[in-house]
């Protein structure tokens, strides 16, 4: 049974498709932390930050939490933002 598992591990989807690469954990540099702070201060969504920094959204959220950086949007109200129009009668 173990030989079948080893064969799968050696011929799995990552081995067959070279484009499918597992991203290794990259250490955060001080420059990247400063960029994260500036993007969070500019109220950039987490998804956009992840694209700009080429990191996973979960990685950005966890690093922001460890560095005590708030990713909550500051300029959005929780109320309905649509303007109410008068009913046509």
Protein backbone atom coordinates (compact mmCIF):
# COMPACT_ATOMS: atom_id res chain seq x y z
CA UNK A 1 0.00 0.00 0.00
CA UNK A 2 2.83 2.38 0.75
CA UNK A 3 4.38 1.80 -2.66
CA UNK A 4 1.19 3.05 -4.33
CA UNK A 5 1.32 6.19 -2.20
CA UNK A 6 4.95 6.80 -3.07
CA UNK A 7 4.21 6.34 -6.76
CA UNK A 8 1.40 8.91 -6.51
CA UNK A 9 3.65 11.36 -4.70
CA UNK A 10 6.25 11.09 -7.45
CA UNK A 11 3.73 11.34 -10.29
CA UNK A 12 1.19 13.70 -8.72
CA UNK A 13 -0.26 16.83 -10.33
CA UNK A 14 2.68 19.01 -9.33
CA UNK A 15 5.20 16.71 -10.98
CA UNK A 16 3.18 16.24 -14.16
CA UNK A 17 2.42 19.92 -14.72
CA UNK A 18 5.47 22.12 -14.35
CA UNK A 19 3.35 25.29 -14.43
CA UNK A 20 1.65 24.18 -11.21
CA UNK A 21 4.19 25.34 -8.67
CA UNK A 22 3.78 25.45 -4.95
CA UNK A 23 4.73 28.84 -3.61
CA UNK A 24 7.26 28.48 -0.88
CA UNK A 25 7.01 30.57 2.24
CA UNK A 26 8.89 33.76 1.62
CA UNK A 27 10.18 35.79 4.54
CA UNK A 28 8.83 39.32 4.81
CA UNK A 29 11.33 42.11 4.27
CA UNK A 30 11.09 45.47 6.01
CA UNK A 31 10.37 47.08 2.64
CA UNK A 32 7.39 44.77 2.09
CA UNK A 33 6.02 45.52 5.57
CA UNK A 34 6.24 49.25 4.82
CA UNK A 35 4.44 48.67 1.52
CA UNK A 36 1.74 46.71 3.34
CA UNK A 37 1.32 49.54 5.85
CA UNK A 38 1.01 52.16 3.08
CA UNK A 39 -1.48 50.09 1.06
CA UNK A 40 -3.58 49.41 4.16
CA UNK A 41 -3.51 53.09 5.07
CA UNK A 42 -4.68 53.92 1.53
CA UNK A 43 -7.69 51.64 2.14
CA UNK A 44 -6.68 49.12 -0.53
CA UNK A 45 -8.71 45.87 -0.49
CA UNK A 46 -6.87 42.73 0.62
CA UNK A 47 -7.31 41.08 -2.79
CA UNK A 48 -5.66 43.99 -4.56
CA UNK A 49 -2.83 44.05 -2.00
CA UNK A 50 -2.26 40.34 -2.64
CA UNK A 51 -1.97 40.93 -6.38
CA UNK A 52 0.40 43.87 -5.96
CA UNK A 53 2.63 42.09 -3.47
CA UNK A 54 2.31 38.65 -5.15
CA UNK A 55 1.34 36.93 -1.91
CA UNK A 56 -1.71 35.00 -0.80
CA UNK A 57 -4.55 36.99 0.79
CA UNK A 58 -4.30 34.81 3.90
CA UNK A 59 -0.61 35.58 4.17
CA UNK A 60 -1.31 39.30 4.00
CA UNK A 61 -4.10 39.08 6.56
CA UNK A 62 -1.99 37.12 9.02
CA UNK A 63 1.01 39.42 8.65
CA UNK A 64 -1.21 42.48 9.10
CA UNK A 65 -2.63 40.94 12.27
CA UNK A 66 0.86 40.19 13.63
CA UNK A 67 2.06 43.73 12.84
CA UNK A 68 -1.21 45.22 14.21
CA UNK A 69 -2.15 46.76 10.85
CA UNK A 70 -5.87 47.27 10.32
CA UNK A 71 -7.20 46.11 6.95
CA UNK A 72 -10.75 47.21 7.66
CA UNK A 73 -12.08 49.77 5.19
CA UNK A 74 -12.37 53.12 6.92
CA UNK A 75 -14.50 54.99 4.41
CA UNK A 76 -17.43 52.59 4.06
CA UNK A 77 -20.57 52.94 6.09
CA UNK A 78 -22.45 49.88 7.22
CA UNK A 79 -25.76 51.44 6.17
CA UNK A 80 -27.31 51.12 2.76
CA UNK A 81 -25.42 53.46 0.44
CA UNK A 82 -28.04 53.74 -2.29
CA UNK A 83 -29.82 57.01 -2.59
CA UNK A 84 -33.51 56.60 -2.07
CA UNK A 85 -35.57 57.96 -4.93
CA UNK A 86 -39.11 59.22 -4.66
CA UNK A 87 -41.78 56.74 -5.70
CA UNK A 88 -43.44 57.50 -8.97
CA UNK A 89 -47.14 57.65 -8.60
